[in-house]
């Protein structure tokens, strides 16, 4: 091979070239393995999500959580295969990784706590994908639960990412858990209005709305005697999906019916009385009708 070269150079080429070719092939093989592993990790996420979606009790939260686990597992094996391609003893590497796991765990306590919290959330299932929840003052619809984070979407379509440890460590209000919810409304009427008539009008308004449930029975009561109004309390039950439409529609229907029946909704005003001398002028608050 290349007899025209000096013997020393030819000897070096005969020694280095096979090594270079071997390392080059190892590098190409590692790149191929890495690309294939990355592709398989995405496929693993998709396959696991698909299979869980076909399960009777499977939901989107389970699909996202176990799909992310499958993806990470494939990537770990891919990295080990790449290291083996370069001649690294994976068995010793795994042992070294285990020995270093404690130190890494101490350095990544926050990250590992998110993983542990994610497992607890998945096990106890305080919410599911699609539920409307409130966590630490943040409210939104649950989109997915991953190994590290919980994703919410607010009513104005803003994405919120919360670490799992923050979700697990705080009280969770799940507004979608029960099939029914109670709508509480307060209407102020004038002291001159007839309370019995007002209560009857309120019964007629809620009776005309088919979304209001008969059981539990609606409640109409005098809630408070304020400075300028008598507050009437209305509590009705409806399906969870109809909560906001019923709340908005009853508020409007009650105002329109009060106007038709001559029932007034007072508001506070300030009346200035001047007793002839400006120094005796005073401000007296009196209830007025609208």
Foldseek 3Di string as FASTA:
>chain_A
DPPVDDPVVVVVCVVVVVVVVLVVVLVVVLVVLQVVLQVVLQVQLVVQLVVLVPDPPRAQQVSQAVSQVSSVVSNVVSVLVSCVSVVDDSVVVVVVCVVCVVVVCVVPVLQVLLQVLLVVCVVVVPDGQQWWKAAPNDTFGWHYGYSFWTWGAHPVGDIDTGGSNSRSVTDMGTLQPDFKDKDKDKAWFFPPDDPVVLVVLLVVLLVVDPQWDPPVPKDWDFDDDDQATTIIMTMTMGTSVCRVVVNVVSVVSSVVSCVVVVTWGKDKDWDWDDPPDVVPIDIDIHIDTD
